[in-house]
Amino acid sequence: MDPKEMRERMKIPIQSMPEQDAKERVKNFYEVPLGFTEEQAILEAKRCIQCKTPHCIGGCPVNINIPWFLELIAEGKFVEAARKVKESNGLPAVCGRVCPQEDQCEKVCVVGKKNPAVSIGRLEKFCADYEREHGEVTIPELPNSTGKKVAVVGAGPAGLTVAGEMVKLGHEVKLFEALHTAGGVLMYGIPEFRLPKKIVKAEVEYLERMGVEIECNAVIGKIDTIDELLDGDYDAVFVGTGAGLPNFMNIEGENLVGVYSANEYLTRVNLMKAYQFPEYDTPVIRGRNVTVFGAGNTAMDAARTALRLCPDSVSIVYRRSREEMPAREEEIEHGEA
C-alpha cells in the first residue's frame, strides 16, 4: 500500500455499530448489536492499513489471516471474506460475537496506536452473517476418507472445532453430547442477546452437512467408557467436556432457596427457557432484588439476564475496582446502560 492511500485510510473514523436502545433491549432477549451495514463494513475494513508485519495475526489464537479477509471486505467481497476466515476458524459467526478481541487481535492492531483499533471482531461477525443470510454457505471440498474414526466427547466449542478439523483431514467423526442439544456453553451459558441460538444451530448443522455424526443425550462414562470407545471402532478420542461444575464460595447461606450458581441460572434461562415459564417446564425464581457476586463475563451475563426478568434492582458485588473488572468493556457498558 502506497503512503498516500495509507494516510487516507488513517483518516477514516471508526464505524459505530447500531444497537438496540437500552430502554427496549431490557424488555427482550433479542441480540443487542444489530450489525454493520454493507457500507459501514466496507469503511471499517478500509481502516486496515495492510501492515507489512501484521501483529493482529499473531494476536489471534487460531492465526486467521486478518489483513486478507479485511481487504476482501473492503473490496465488497463479503462471501470470499467469510471463506477466508473459515480456512482458520470453523466458528466465525460465534467468535465474531463472543471472542475477547480487545485483548487479542485488536489489542496489537497498529492502527490502534494512534486511533481506535480496527473492529476486527465485528467484521468477522459481519462477513459470517452475510454468507449465511444470503444462502452462500458451501461445504469445502473434503479429502478422500482415511478410514480412521474419531470420537469427540462433548459438543461445546472445543468439540465442535475439533470435529470440523478432523473431517477436513478425511477422518470419520462422531460427536457425543450429554445434553439434549449440541453447542455446550454456547447454548446454555451465553445469553440469547449476546449469541442467538440460531447462530449456534447453524454452525452445528454446517458440521453435520460436512459429515459429522452427532448423538445427543449420550453421557460417555455411562453408555461407554473412553477405553471402550478405543477398544471398539474408534482410532482416537478427544475429550472436550468443558468446565460445567461451578465453584462456590463456601459461605453461610449459599444453599438457601433462591441462591443459584451462574451456571445453573443461565442454563435454566438459556437452554430451558425459564423466562417463558409456564409455557416451558423449567421455572426460575424472579428475585425482587438480585445480587451477583463477581464481575467477569459470566457474572455480567447473569446480571444482564436478571435485568430482563423485571426485578426492582440488580447489583454486582466485586472485590476490586471498576477498572479491574475482567468482563469485556462492552458487556459492562451494556449492563450499566
Foldseek 3Di string as FASTA:
>chain_A
DDPVLLVVLLPQAQDDFQFDDLVPPLQDQAATGPADDLVNLLSLLSNQSPDPDQCLLVLDPQRQPQNVLSVCSVVVNLQVSLVSRCVRDLQQLVCLQDPQSCRGSQVPAPSVVPHRGRSSSRSSNRSVVVCVVVVNDDQDDADAAPLAEEEEEAQAPVSLRVLVVCLNPRYQYEYEAQAPDGHPCLQQQFTCNRRNVVSSVVSVVSSVVSRYHYDYNGDAVVVHHPVRCCVPRHVYYHYDHDDQDDDDPPDPPCPPPQRDDLRVQSNCCRVQVQLPPPVTPGHHDLEQEAEFEAQAQSSLSNQSVSSNSPHVYYYYDYDDDPVPRHYRPVSVVSSVD
